[in-house]
Amino acid sequence: MRTMKKYHIISVLICLIISVNTAFSQSNPSYAVRTVVIDAGHGGKDPGAVGKISQEKNITLAIALKTGSLIAANCPDVKVIYTRKTDEFIELHRRADIANKAKADLFISIHVNANPNKEATGTDTWTMGLAKNDANLKVAKMENDVISLEADASQYKGMSANDNEAIILHKLQQGVFCDNSLTFASMVQSQFKNEVGRKDRSVHQAPFLVLWKTAMPSVLIETGFITNDEEEKWLNQTDNQAEMAYAIYQAFLEYKKYIESRSKGGYQQSQPMTTQPETKPAPVAKPEVKKDFPQSNQWGIYYGIQIGAGKELNKLTPENFNGLKDVYYVEENGIYKYYYGKTASFMEIKEYLPEVKEKYPSAFIVARDKDNKKLQIAEARQKTK
């Protein structure tokens, strides 16, 4: 009898939630992505997952700051908010509160995975929902364990990774947010796979507490496995962190365009990349090329510094690129990617990087082969110096 009564109450709640969601969609015919919250997982007394040479909290912060910097620099109509910008402990419920109080349009939580299987590699992106298997549930419970470090666990009353009915009701309450979360998650995974070359572990759902209270589309990104020696080393390289951040940024641009193109209000789309500076600074001096750097290699591999990207082709003049001379581009999937420097030597391009970063803080090194196909830096460096 109790069971029947329980399910009757749930049915009534479902009807109420559906009617509220319908009313909301009818009263909000237009929608734009104007505020994004970037959440660097863990921090302070909570190191997160720990590898042989690093802690999760430091990798997540580096990628989060780089991601937010790209969005802030290239999307002037978007406000970027961080749950943390330093190594500090932030309770899970406070992270959601930050997003809710800001009335954010998207919540992006960045993490690093761990697994007893040291061979596990690749990226996952998660949304709030029922875990389809024990493995998915373990991932959620691992990330949720941080509440043991919090002073007041009562904040999570009514939330349980083991309460399927509560999770179902939450998903219904979220309505269209769940669909949009899945859409953005798929875009992130596509970028990781196609642009960064990471192993795609797909999009999943699980009951993450950090996503439970957010009142907007929300995802949790696992950027790799700190428990895999090679992947941990890869994630700790600044250039690779920049590539991961750039992939999330590109997914954000794609999602923003998708959401706003469906809006009946006809919001004007922001440009993916702004390369025209407000003033005309003095050109960056090109570092002197050392004679011992190789000018070519047998594989046709070259390195360049990516400084930006966009759907419109900009005139390659110093005035359009903060004074940088000899900027060139590579077109990929309808996106123009702009580069400075072109050399067969990784060590040489590294000498260019600090001065370029003075103009473009989110700039990073990219390797390509003779056919302009992007290579992993580690793969290229195995062949070149």
Protein backbone atom coordinates (compact mmCIF):
# COMPACT_ATOMS: atom_id res chain seq x y z
CA MET A 1 0.00 0.00 0.00
CA ARG A 2 2.81 2.37 0.91
CA THR A 3 4.52 1.58 -2.35
CA MET A 4 1.37 2.40 -4.34
CA LYS A 5 0.93 5.65 -2.44
CA LYS A 6 4.57 6.54 -3.04
CA TYR A 7 4.30 6.03 -6.77
CA HIS A 8 1.02 7.97 -6.85
CA ILE A 9 2.79 10.94 -5.27
CA ILE A 10 5.63 10.62 -7.75
CA SER A 11 3.14 10.55 -10.64
CA VAL A 12 1.48 13.75 -9.40
CA LEU A 13 4.87 15.42 -9.02
CA ILE A 14 5.82 14.37 -12.56
CA CYS A 15 2.66 16.00 -13.95
CA LEU A 16 3.34 19.20 -12.01
CA ILE A 17 6.94 19.32 -13.16
CA ILE A 18 6.03 18.76 -16.80
CA SER A 19 3.42 21.55 -16.65
CA VAL A 20 5.95 23.92 -15.05
CA ASN A 21 8.56 23.10 -17.68
CA THR A 22 6.01 23.67 -20.45
CA ALA A 23 4.99 27.01 -18.99
CA PHE A 24 8.63 28.01 -18.64
CA SER A 25 9.43 27.20 -22.27
CA GLN A 26 6.37 29.11 -23.48
CA SER A 27 7.20 32.19 -21.42
CA ASN A 28 10.86 32.14 -22.48
CA PRO A 29 10.82 31.93 -26.29
CA SER A 30 14.35 33.34 -26.55
CA TYR A 31 17.51 32.23 -24.86
CA ALA A 32 21.17 33.15 -24.97
CA VAL A 33 24.31 31.82 -23.30
CA ARG A 34 25.53 34.82 -21.34
CA THR A 35 27.09 33.41 -18.17
CA VAL A 36 29.25 30.31 -17.73
CA VAL A 37 30.63 28.94 -14.47
CA ILE A 38 33.94 27.07 -14.66
CA ASP A 39 34.47 24.71 -11.73
CA ALA A 40 37.97 23.38 -11.02
CA GLY A 41 37.36 20.15 -9.11
CA HIS A 42 38.72 19.66 -5.57
CA GLY A 43 41.23 22.09 -4.04
CA GLY A 44 42.83 23.01 -0.71
CA LYS A 45 42.69 20.18 1.82
CA ASP A 46 41.00 18.02 -0.85
CA PRO A 47 43.68 16.92 -3.35
CA GLY A 48 41.29 14.78 -5.37
CA ALA A 49 42.82 11.77 -7.09
CA VAL A 50 46.56 11.43 -6.55
CA GLY A 51 49.07 10.09 -9.06
CA LYS A 52 52.80 9.43 -8.88
CA ILE A 53 53.85 12.98 -9.67
CA SER A 54 50.77 15.16 -9.21
CA GLN A 55 47.39 15.80 -7.62
CA GLU A 56 44.07 16.20 -9.40
CA LYS A 57 43.34 19.61 -7.85
CA ASN A 58 46.30 21.25 -9.60
CA ILE A 59 45.57 19.83 -13.06
CA THR A 60 41.90 20.81 -12.86
CA LEU A 61 42.74 24.36 -11.82
CA ALA A 62 45.21 24.79 -14.69
CA ILE A 63 42.72 23.59 -17.30
CA ALA A 64 39.83 25.55 -15.76
CA LEU A 65 41.74 28.85 -15.79
CA LYS A 66 42.88 28.31 -19.37
CA THR A 67 39.33 27.46 -20.48
CA GLY A 68 37.84 30.50 -18.80
CA SER A 69 40.57 32.73 -20.21
CA LEU A 70 39.76 31.64 -23.76
CA ILE A 71 36.04 32.26 -23.33
CA ALA A 72 36.57 35.64 -21.65
CA ALA A 73 39.03 36.80 -24.32
CA ASN A 74 37.00 35.74 -27.33
CA CYS A 75 33.35 36.01 -26.25
CA PRO A 76 32.80 39.58 -25.01
CA ASP A 77 29.09 38.89 -24.49
CA VAL A 78 29.78 36.06 -22.03
CA LYS A 79 30.54 36.49 -18.33
CA VAL A 80 32.97 33.89 -16.95
CA ILE A 81 32.78 32.97 -13.27
CA TYR A 82 35.12 30.55 -11.48
CA THR A 83 34.20 28.54 -8.38
CA ARG A 84 37.86 28.86 -7.43
CA LYS A 85 40.91 30.56 -8.93
CA THR A 86 43.40 29.42 -6.31
CA ASP A 87 44.18 26.29 -4.29
CA GLU A 88 41.27 26.50 -1.87
CA PHE A 89 38.65 24.11 -0.55
CA ILE A 90 35.13 24.79 -1.81
CA GLU A 91 32.23 22.60 -0.64
CA LEU A 92 30.23 20.89 -3.36
CA HIS A 93 26.98 22.66 -2.47
CA ARG A 94 28.76 26.05 -2.59
CA ARG A 95 29.91 25.37 -6.14
CA ALA A 96 26.29 24.90 -7.19
CA ASP A 97 25.26 27.96 -5.16
CA ILE A 98 27.79 30.11 -7.02
CA ALA A 99 26.29 29.03 -10.34
CA ASN A 100 22.69 29.43 -9.21
CA LYS A 101 23.21 32.89 -7.69
CA ALA A 102 24.90 34.01 -10.91
CA LYS A 103 21.94 32.61 -12.89
CA ALA A 104 24.48 30.84 -15.06
CA ASP A 105 23.53 29.38 -18.42
CA LEU A 106 26.10 26.59 -18.24
CA PHE A 107 28.11 24.88 -15.49
CA ILE A 108 31.36 23.10 -16.42
CA SER A 109 33.07 21.04 -13.71
CA ILE A 110 36.57 19.84 -14.62
CA HIS A 111 38.11 16.72 -13.06
CA VAL A 112 40.74 14.01 -13.51
CA ASN A 113 39.79 10.35 -13.28
CA ALA A 114 41.33 7.47 -11.34
CA ASN A 115 41.06 3.69 -11.59
CA PRO A 116 42.68 0.67 -9.91
CA ASN A 117 43.33 -0.56 -13.45
CA LYS A 118 46.52 1.33 -14.32
CA GLU A 119 45.92 0.74 -18.02
CA ALA A 120 42.70 2.80 -18.08
CA THR A 121 42.99 5.89 -20.28
CA GLY A 122 40.77 8.42 -22.03
CA THR A 123 38.19 11.11 -21.37
CA ASP A 124 34.56 10.96 -20.21
CA THR A 125 31.97 13.67 -19.87
CA TRP A 126 29.15 13.14 -17.41
CA THR A 127 25.72 14.59 -16.75
CA MET A 128 23.42 14.13 -13.77
CA GLY A 129 21.33 10.97 -13.92
CA LEU A 130 21.03 7.30 -13.05
CA ALA A 131 24.20 5.23 -13.24
CA LYS A 132 23.62 2.39 -15.70
CA ASN A 133 26.20 0.12 -14.12
CA ASP A 134 28.38 -0.29 -11.02
CA ALA A 135 31.43 1.18 -12.75
CA ASN A 136 29.61 4.46 -13.43
CA LEU A 137 28.26 4.56 -9.90
CA LYS A 138 31.79 4.10 -8.51
CA VAL A 139 33.00 7.14 -10.43
CA ALA A 140 30.22 9.26 -8.93
CA LYS A 141 30.82 7.95 -5.41
CA MET A 142 34.55 8.66 -5.76
CA GLU A 143 33.85 12.30 -6.65
CA ASN A 144 31.11 12.56 -4.00
CA ASP A 145 33.41 11.35 -1.22
CA VAL A 146 34.65 14.92 -0.75
CA ILE A 147 31.63 15.63 1.48
CA SER A 148 33.44 13.67 4.21
CA LEU A 149 35.72 16.73 4.46
CA GLU A 150 32.81 19.14 4.81
CA ALA A 151 31.49 20.41 8.14
CA ASP A 152 27.77 20.20 7.38
CA ALA A 153 26.53 17.13 5.50
CA SER A 154 22.91 18.18 6.05
CA GLN A 155 23.26 20.27 2.90
CA TYR A 156 22.81 17.04 0.96
CA LYS A 157 19.62 15.86 2.65
CA GLY A 158 17.43 14.07 0.14
CA MET A 159 20.32 13.41 -2.21
CA SER A 160 21.71 9.92 -2.47
CA ALA A 161 23.59 8.11 -5.19
CA ASN A 162 21.59 5.02 -4.24
CA ASP A 163 18.11 6.62 -4.33
CA ASN A 164 16.90 6.02 -7.89
CA GLU A 165 13.52 7.68 -7.28
CA ALA A 166 15.15 10.89 -6.07
CA ILE A 167 17.42 10.92 -9.11
CA ILE A 168 14.49 10.35 -11.51
CA LEU A 169 12.55 13.21 -9.92
CA HIS A 170 15.61 15.45 -10.16
CA LYS A 171 15.96 14.73 -13.87
CA LEU A 172 12.29 15.54 -14.45
CA GLN A 173 12.67 18.74 -12.47
CA GLN A 174 15.60 19.76 -14.63
CA GLY A 175 13.54 19.24 -17.78
CA VAL A 176 15.23 20.63 -20.87
CA PHE A 177 18.41 21.25 -18.89
CA CYS A 178 19.16 17.52 -18.99
CA ASP A 179 18.89 17.42 -22.78
CA ASN A 180 21.13 20.44 -23.15
CA SER A 181 23.63 18.95 -20.72
CA LEU A 182 23.86 15.84 -22.88
CA THR A 183 24.23 17.97 -26.01
CA PHE A 184 27.15 19.92 -24.58
CA ALA A 185 28.73 16.75 -23.17
CA SER A 186 28.70 15.17 -26.64
CA MET A 187 30.31 18.27 -28.12
CA VAL A 188 33.10 18.13 -25.53
CA GLN A 189 33.82 14.48 -26.24
CA SER A 190 33.86 15.12 -29.98
CA GLN A 191 36.45 17.88 -29.53
CA PHE A 192 38.64 15.71 -27.30
CA LYS A 193 38.56 12.87 -29.81
CA ASN A 194 38.85 14.75 -33.10
CA GLU A 195 40.94 17.77 -32.17
CA VAL A 196 43.14 16.57 -29.32
CA GLY A 197 43.30 12.90 -30.24
CA ARG A 198 42.31 11.55 -26.84
CA LYS A 199 40.62 8.20 -26.35
CA ASP A 200 36.84 8.69 -26.30
CA ARG A 201 35.15 6.93 -23.37
CA SER A 202 31.83 8.51 -24.35
CA VAL A 203 29.12 10.43 -22.46
CA HIS A 204 27.63 8.95 -19.29
CA GLN A 205 25.17 9.76 -16.55
CA ALA A 206 25.64 9.29 -12.82
CA PRO A 207 24.45 10.95 -9.57
CA PHE A 208 27.19 13.54 -8.95
CA LEU A 209 26.40 15.76 -5.98
CA VAL A 210 28.16 18.76 -7.53
CA LEU A 211 25.62 18.64 -10.39
CA TRP A 212 22.57 17.82 -8.26
CA LYS A 213 21.67 21.36 -7.15
CA THR A 214 22.64 23.25 -10.29
CA ALA A 215 19.67 24.93 -11.98
CA MET A 216 21.12 25.01 -15.49
CA PRO A 217 22.72 22.63 -18.02
CA SER A 218 25.70 21.10 -16.21
CA VAL A 219 28.47 18.64 -17.00
CA LEU A 220 31.38 17.04 -15.22
CA ILE A 221 34.42 16.40 -17.43
CA GLU A 222 36.99 13.71 -16.64
CA THR A 223 40.06 14.83 -18.60
CA GLY A 224 42.05 11.62 -18.25
CA PHE A 225 43.44 9.14 -15.73
CA ILE A 226 45.98 10.30 -13.18
CA THR A 227 46.50 6.62 -12.30
CA ASN A 228 47.92 5.88 -15.76
CA ASP A 229 51.62 6.85 -15.78
CA GLU A 230 51.73 8.08 -19.37
CA GLU A 231 48.43 9.93 -19.17
CA GLU A 232 49.43 11.58 -15.90
CA LYS A 233 52.64 12.87 -17.50
CA TRP A 234 50.63 14.08 -20.51
CA LEU A 235 48.10 15.92 -18.33
CA ASN A 236 50.88 17.69 -16.44
CA GLN A 237 52.37 19.29 -19.56
CA THR A 238 51.28 22.91 -19.92
CA ASP A 239 50.85 22.65 -23.69
CA ASN A 240 48.58 19.63 -23.33
CA GLN A 241 46.51 21.38 -20.67
CA ALA A 242 46.14 24.26 -23.14
CA GLU A 243 44.95 21.82 -25.83
CA MET A 244 42.34 20.36 -23.50
CA ALA A 245 41.18 23.86 -22.54
CA TYR A 246 40.96 24.86 -26.17
CA ALA A 247 38.85 21.78 -26.93
CA ILE A 248 36.40 22.66 -24.14
CA TYR A 249 36.32 26.24 -25.42
CA GLN A 250 35.54 25.08 -28.97
CA ALA A 251 32.75 22.86 -27.60
CA PHE A 252 31.42 25.90 -25.72
CA LEU A 253 31.34 27.94 -28.95
CA GLU A 254 29.53 25.12 -30.74
CA TYR A 255 27.02 24.77 -27.90
CA LYS A 256 26.43 28.52 -27.69
CA LYS A 257 25.72 28.70 -31.41
CA TYR A 258 23.44 25.64 -31.22
CA ILE A 259 21.40 27.03 -28.32
CA GLU A 260 21.09 30.54 -29.69
CA SER A 261 20.26 29.37 -33.21
CA ARG A 262 17.25 27.54 -31.76
CA SER A 263 16.15 30.65 -29.92
CA LYS A 264 13.11 32.43 -31.36
CA GLY A 265 14.50 35.72 -30.12
CA GLY A 266 17.19 35.86 -32.78
CA TYR A 267 20.13 36.71 -30.55
CA GLN A 268 23.18 37.85 -32.45
CA GLN A 269 25.92 35.24 -32.42
CA SER A 270 29.23 36.13 -30.85
CA GLN A 271 32.30 35.74 -33.01
CA PRO A 272 34.40 32.68 -32.11
CA MET A 273 37.64 34.65 -32.14
CA THR A 274 38.46 38.33 -31.87
CA THR A 275 41.85 39.07 -33.32
CA GLN A 276 41.60 42.84 -33.78
CA PRO A 277 43.29 44.53 -30.79
CA GLU A 278 41.92 47.69 -29.22
CA THR A 279 45.24 49.44 -29.87
CA LYS A 280 48.23 48.79 -32.07
CA PRO A 281 51.03 47.62 -29.80
CA ALA A 282 54.61 47.41 -30.90
CA PRO A 283 55.50 44.22 -32.77
CA VAL A 284 56.88 41.34 -30.73
CA ALA A 285 60.54 40.90 -31.45
CA LYS A 286 61.29 37.57 -33.07
CA PRO A 287 63.80 35.63 -30.98
CA GLU A 288 67.14 35.08 -32.56
CA VAL A 289 67.28 31.65 -34.17
CA LYS A 290 70.15 29.57 -32.89
CA LYS A 291 72.24 27.94 -35.55
CA ASP A 292 72.15 24.52 -33.93
CA PHE A 293 68.38 24.18 -34.40
CA PRO A 294 67.53 21.88 -37.35
CA GLN A 295 65.76 23.70 -40.18
CA SER A 296 64.02 20.55 -41.44
CA ASN A 297 63.47 16.92 -40.56
CA GLN A 298 62.86 13.74 -42.55
CA TRP A 299 59.23 13.41 -41.41
CA GLY A 300 58.14 16.89 -42.52
CA ILE A 301 57.02 17.64 -38.96
CA TYR A 302 56.83 21.26 -37.92
CA TYR A 303 55.79 23.15 -34.80
CA GLY A 304 53.81 26.36 -34.50
CA ILE A 305 52.15 28.40 -31.76
CA GLN A 306 48.36 28.60 -32.06
CA ILE A 307 47.17 32.07 -31.06
CA GLY A 308 43.50 31.93 -32.03
CA ALA A 309 40.76 30.59 -34.26
CA GLY A 310 37.55 31.72 -35.90
CA LYS A 311 35.09 31.13 -38.72
CA GLU A 312 36.05 34.34 -40.53
CA LEU A 313 39.40 34.63 -42.32
CA ASN A 314 41.24 37.69 -41.03
CA LYS A 315 43.79 39.57 -43.09
CA LEU A 316 47.22 38.35 -42.02
CA THR A 317 48.66 41.71 -41.03
CA PRO A 318 50.49 42.63 -37.79
CA GLU A 319 47.71 45.11 -36.96
CA ASN A 320 45.21 42.26 -36.76
CA PHE A 321 47.40 40.08 -34.54
CA ASN A 322 48.72 42.27 -31.75
CA GLY A 323 51.78 43.25 -33.78
CA LEU A 324 52.88 39.70 -34.63
CA LYS A 325 54.44 39.35 -38.06
CA ASP A 326 54.33 36.32 -40.36
CA VAL A 327 51.14 34.88 -38.88
CA TYR A 328 49.70 32.03 -40.98
CA TYR A 329 46.64 29.82 -40.75
CA VAL A 330 45.46 26.26 -41.25
CA GLU A 331 41.80 25.61 -42.10
CA GLU A 332 40.14 22.65 -40.37
CA ASN A 333 36.45 21.81 -40.57
CA GLY A 334 35.54 25.36 -41.55
CA ILE A 335 37.59 26.92 -38.73
CA TYR A 336 40.62 29.10 -39.45
CA LYS A 337 43.37 28.40 -36.90
CA TYR A 338 46.04 31.09 -36.67
CA TYR A 339 49.68 30.32 -35.90
CA TYR A 340 52.89 32.18 -35.21
CA GLY A 341 56.27 30.57 -35.79
CA LYS A 342 57.02 27.57 -37.97
CA THR A 343 60.01 25.41 -37.21
CA ALA A 344 61.17 21.81 -37.35
CA SER A 345 62.51 22.06 -33.80
CA PHE A 346 60.40 21.80 -30.66
CA MET A 347 63.13 23.45 -28.59
CA GLU A 348 63.16 26.43 -30.93
CA ILE A 349 59.41 26.95 -30.83
CA LYS A 350 59.58 26.84 -27.02
CA GLU A 351 61.84 29.90 -27.16
CA TYR A 352 59.16 31.78 -29.09
CA LEU A 353 56.36 30.85 -26.68
CA PRO A 354 56.99 33.21 -23.68
CA GLU A 355 56.98 36.35 -25.84
CA VAL A 356 53.90 35.24 -27.76
CA LYS A 357 52.08 34.56 -24.49
CA GLU A 358 52.58 38.20 -23.53
CA LYS A 359 50.12 39.02 -26.32
CA TYR A 360 48.07 35.81 -26.27
CA PRO A 361 48.14 34.26 -22.75
CA SER A 362 46.28 31.13 -23.92
CA ALA A 363 48.65 30.42 -26.83
CA PHE A 364 50.00 26.88 -27.06
CA ILE A 365 52.29 24.77 -29.21
CA VAL A 366 50.90 22.52 -31.93
CA ALA A 367 52.71 19.94 -34.04
CA ARG A 368 51.72 19.08 -37.61
CA ASP A 369 53.04 16.79 -40.32
CA LYS A 370 53.80 17.56 -43.97
CA ASP A 371 50.08 17.18 -44.81
CA ASN A 372 49.12 19.66 -42.05
CA LYS A 373 47.57 16.88 -39.95
CA LYS A 374 47.73 17.71 -36.25
CA LEU A 375 49.98 15.41 -34.19
CA GLN A 376 50.23 14.86 -30.48
CA ILE A 377 53.23 16.78 -29.12
CA ALA A 378 54.54 13.63 -27.44
CA GLU A 379 54.25 11.70 -30.72
CA ALA A 380 56.07 14.42 -32.66
CA ARG A 381 58.82 14.78 -30.08
CA GLN A 382 59.62 11.09 -30.26
CA LYS A 383 60.91 11.83 -33.75
CA THR A 384 62.19 15.42 -33.45
CA LYS A 385 64.23 17.36 -30.96
